[in-house]
């Protein structure tokens, strides 16, 4: 179930608000088997098996705002809140703790986005800020991935007729965060692109 509303003010402001709720049965999910193994870095990790969870519930809201300062200067903001839990947990031959009432893994409850787009004669510039709230990375909600943020920018220009060049700088501040897979981010990353339109 999803309910949305849109508000527009002239050609300057556009706001979209969405509220949603959904349930699912026999949702495939990794659950512990009760066994553990030592990994290469001598850490004890549980053995997981893909199972069909009896029932999950997901509800949340999303707000999207676009403000046109001028036709060539746009400000963007977005906020997303998600509440995702296992509402019913029934598994035969399951030896771990009950997962009923636990949050789903890899789902940050809050995500914030803010961006700017500026088109001009010299070079087109866009930048954005992304914040990801801390999220659970195990099915029993014991350990969490810390919250983190990244700041990105890109520059684009039509250097010749039909030839466009882009430079993207990801994670400008070189923020070393841990992603949902438990890996450390590569830090600042620069990408150069050239496009030719036939």
Protein backbone atom coordinates (compact mmCIF):
# COMPACT_ATOMS: atom_id res chain seq x y z
CA UNK A 1 0.00 0.00 0.00
CA UNK A 2 1.37 3.39 -0.97
CA UNK A 3 -0.05 6.89 -0.55
CA UNK A 4 1.55 9.93 -2.11
CA UNK A 5 0.91 13.64 -2.44
CA UNK A 6 2.56 16.23 -4.67
CA UNK A 7 2.76 19.98 -4.12
CA UNK A 8 3.88 22.49 -6.74
CA UNK A 9 4.43 26.21 -6.39
CA UNK A 10 4.64 27.86 -9.79
CA UNK A 11 7.80 26.65 -11.54
CA UNK A 12 9.94 27.12 -8.43
CA UNK A 13 9.13 24.41 -5.94
CA UNK A 14 8.07 20.77 -6.17
CA UNK A 15 7.51 18.55 -3.11
CA UNK A 16 6.60 14.87 -3.18
CA UNK A 17 5.60 12.99 -0.03
CA UNK A 18 5.09 9.22 0.02
CA UNK A 19 4.02 6.91 2.84
CA UNK A 20 4.10 3.17 2.27
CA UNK A 21 3.35 -0.10 4.03
CA UNK A 22 3.89 -3.65 2.81
CA UNK A 23 3.94 -7.17 4.15
CA UNK A 24 5.49 -10.29 2.73
CA UNK A 25 5.24 -14.00 3.39
CA UNK A 26 7.89 -16.67 2.76
CA UNK A 27 10.50 -13.92 2.45
CA UNK A 28 13.92 -15.37 1.62
CA UNK A 29 16.43 -14.45 4.30
CA UNK A 30 19.65 -15.75 5.79
CA UNK A 31 19.19 -17.40 9.19
CA UNK A 32 21.78 -18.95 11.47
CA UNK A 33 22.05 -22.75 11.62
CA UNK A 34 23.52 -22.82 15.13
CA UNK A 35 26.99 -23.68 13.81
CA UNK A 36 30.00 -21.40 13.55
CA UNK A 37 33.30 -21.47 11.67
CA UNK A 38 36.62 -19.69 12.01
CA UNK A 39 37.41 -17.45 9.03
CA UNK A 40 40.82 -16.65 7.56
CA UNK A 41 41.25 -13.71 9.96
CA UNK A 42 40.58 -16.02 12.94
CA UNK A 43 37.12 -14.64 13.64
CA UNK A 44 34.25 -16.89 14.62
CA UNK A 45 31.32 -16.39 12.25
CA UNK A 46 27.92 -18.10 12.25
CA UNK A 47 26.96 -20.44 9.44
CA UNK A 48 23.97 -18.99 7.59
CA UNK A 49 21.37 -20.72 5.46
CA UNK A 50 18.81 -19.14 3.18
CA UNK A 51 15.35 -19.75 4.59
CA UNK A 52 11.78 -18.59 3.97
CA UNK A 53 10.80 -16.21 6.77
CA UNK A 54 7.12 -16.52 7.74
CA UNK A 55 6.24 -12.81 7.56
CA UNK A 56 7.90 -9.41 7.34
CA UNK A 57 6.52 -5.88 7.61
CA UNK A 58 8.00 -2.83 5.95
CA UNK A 59 6.70 0.69 6.38
CA UNK A 60 8.23 4.07 5.88
CA UNK A 61 8.09 7.49 4.31
CA UNK A 62 10.00 9.44 1.69
CA UNK A 63 10.15 13.18 1.13
CA UNK A 64 11.56 14.63 -2.07
CA UNK A 65 12.07 18.38 -2.59
CA UNK A 66 13.21 20.20 -5.74
CA UNK A 67 13.73 23.95 -5.69
CA UNK A 68 14.49 25.75 -8.96
CA UNK A 69 16.42 28.88 -8.01
CA UNK A 70 16.76 29.53 -11.73
CA UNK A 71 16.21 27.18 -14.69
CA UNK A 72 19.94 26.41 -14.50
CA UNK A 73 20.34 26.20 -10.73
CA UNK A 74 18.46 23.44 -8.92
CA UNK A 75 18.56 22.44 -5.25
CA UNK A 76 17.49 18.90 -4.33
CA UNK A 77 16.79 17.31 -0.95
CA UNK A 78 15.50 13.86 -0.02
CA UNK A 79 14.78 12.07 3.24
CA UNK A 80 13.84 8.40 3.55
CA UNK A 81 12.79 6.54 6.68
CA UNK A 82 12.34 2.77 6.64
CA UNK A 83 11.12 0.43 9.39
CA UNK A 84 11.62 -3.18 8.31
CA UNK A 85 11.07 -6.02 10.77
CA UNK A 86 10.39 -9.74 10.93
CA UNK A 87 6.85 -9.83 12.33
CA UNK A 88 6.47 -13.61 12.37
CA UNK A 89 9.19 -16.26 12.58
CA UNK A 90 8.40 -19.94 12.34
CA UNK A 91 11.00 -22.40 11.05
CA UNK A 92 11.27 -26.12 11.59
CA UNK A 93 14.67 -27.54 12.52
CA UNK A 94 15.95 -24.06 13.44
CA UNK A 95 18.46 -24.04 16.31
CA UNK A 96 19.21 -20.33 16.67
CA UNK A 97 17.39 -17.62 18.61
CA UNK A 98 14.00 -16.49 17.37
CA UNK A 99 14.22 -13.63 14.89
CA UNK A 100 10.70 -12.40 15.49
CA UNK A 101 10.69 -8.66 16.09
CA UNK A 102 14.23 -8.25 14.69
CA UNK A 103 15.08 -5.63 12.09
CA UNK A 104 16.08 -6.73 8.60
CA UNK A 105 19.79 -6.50 7.85
CA UNK A 106 21.37 -4.02 5.45
CA UNK A 107 18.47 -1.55 5.72
CA UNK A 108 19.48 1.86 7.12
CA UNK A 109 16.46 3.34 8.94
CA UNK A 110 17.34 6.87 7.80
CA UNK A 111 18.88 8.12 4.56
CA UNK A 112 19.47 11.81 3.81
CA UNK A 113 20.39 13.25 0.41
CA UNK A 114 21.10 16.85 -0.56
CA UNK A 115 22.29 17.97 -3.96
CA UNK A 116 22.85 20.91 -6.27
CA UNK A 117 22.92 21.18 -10.06
CA UNK A 118 24.38 24.27 -11.72
CA UNK A 119 24.46 24.57 -15.51
CA UNK A 120 26.54 27.40 -16.93
CA UNK A 121 28.62 28.34 -19.97
CA UNK A 122 31.98 27.41 -18.45
CA UNK A 123 31.33 23.99 -16.92
CA UNK A 124 28.28 22.19 -15.54
CA UNK A 125 28.68 21.35 -11.87
CA UNK A 126 26.74 19.02 -9.62
CA UNK A 127 27.37 17.96 -6.07
CA UNK A 128 25.61 15.83 -3.51
CA UNK A 129 25.81 14.80 0.13
CA UNK A 130 24.64 11.34 1.21
CA UNK A 131 24.10 10.17 4.79
CA UNK A 132 23.34 6.55 5.69
CA UNK A 133 22.21 5.70 9.19
CA UNK A 134 23.72 2.75 11.07
CA UNK A 135 22.24 -0.61 10.05
CA UNK A 136 22.24 -4.16 11.34
CA UNK A 137 24.56 -6.60 9.58
CA UNK A 138 23.51 -9.79 11.34
CA UNK A 139 20.10 -11.41 11.55
CA UNK A 140 20.00 -11.42 15.38
CA UNK A 141 20.65 -7.65 15.56
CA UNK A 142 23.84 -7.96 17.59
CA UNK A 143 26.29 -5.93 15.49
CA UNK A 144 25.77 -2.82 13.40
CA UNK A 145 27.53 -1.10 10.55
CA UNK A 146 28.29 2.47 11.79
CA UNK A 147 26.57 5.38 10.10
CA UNK A 148 28.56 7.20 7.43
CA UNK A 149 28.35 9.99 4.87
CA UNK A 150 29.92 10.79 1.51
CA UNK A 151 30.29 13.98 -0.49
CA UNK A 152 30.49 13.72 -4.28
CA UNK A 153 30.96 16.18 -7.14
CA UNK A 154 30.98 16.01 -10.92
CA UNK A 155 31.99 18.40 -13.68
CA UNK A 156 30.85 18.13 -17.30
CA UNK A 157 31.55 20.14 -20.44
CA UNK A 158 30.96 19.84 -24.16
CA UNK A 159 34.57 20.39 -25.25
CA UNK A 160 33.92 20.00 -28.98
CA UNK A 161 30.87 19.41 -31.09
CA UNK A 162 29.36 16.01 -30.13
CA UNK A 163 32.19 15.41 -27.62
CA UNK A 164 31.44 15.68 -23.91
CA UNK A 165 33.88 15.20 -21.03
CA UNK A 166 32.98 14.33 -17.44
CA UNK A 167 35.03 14.24 -14.26
CA UNK A 168 33.47 12.62 -11.20
CA UNK A 169 34.99 12.86 -7.74
CA UNK A 170 33.41 10.38 -5.33
CA UNK A 171 33.91 10.66 -1.58
CA UNK A 172 35.76 13.98 -1.80
CA UNK A 173 36.53 14.07 1.91
CA UNK A 174 38.17 10.62 1.74
CA UNK A 175 35.86 9.31 4.44
CA UNK A 176 36.87 5.71 5.26
CA UNK A 177 33.61 4.07 6.23
CA UNK A 178 32.61 0.41 6.55
CA UNK A 179 29.96 -0.76 4.10
CA UNK A 180 27.21 -3.33 4.74
CA UNK A 181 29.51 -6.16 3.62
CA UNK A 182 31.99 -5.25 6.33
CA UNK A 183 34.53 -3.88 3.83
CA UNK A 184 36.39 -0.59 4.22
CA UNK A 185 35.55 1.90 1.48
CA UNK A 186 38.26 2.69 -1.10
CA UNK A 187 38.19 6.34 -0.05
CA UNK A 188 38.37 9.17 -2.57
CA UNK A 189 37.77 7.99 -6.11
CA UNK A 190 38.13 9.99 -9.36
CA UNK A 191 36.59 8.94 -12.68
CA UNK A 192 37.18 10.56 -16.08
CA UNK A 193 34.80 9.98 -18.99
CA UNK A 194 34.62 11.10 -22.60
CA UNK A 195 31.47 10.70 -24.70
CA UNK A 196 30.99 11.05 -28.43
CA UNK A 197 27.48 11.45 -29.82
CA UNK A 198 27.04 10.10 -33.32
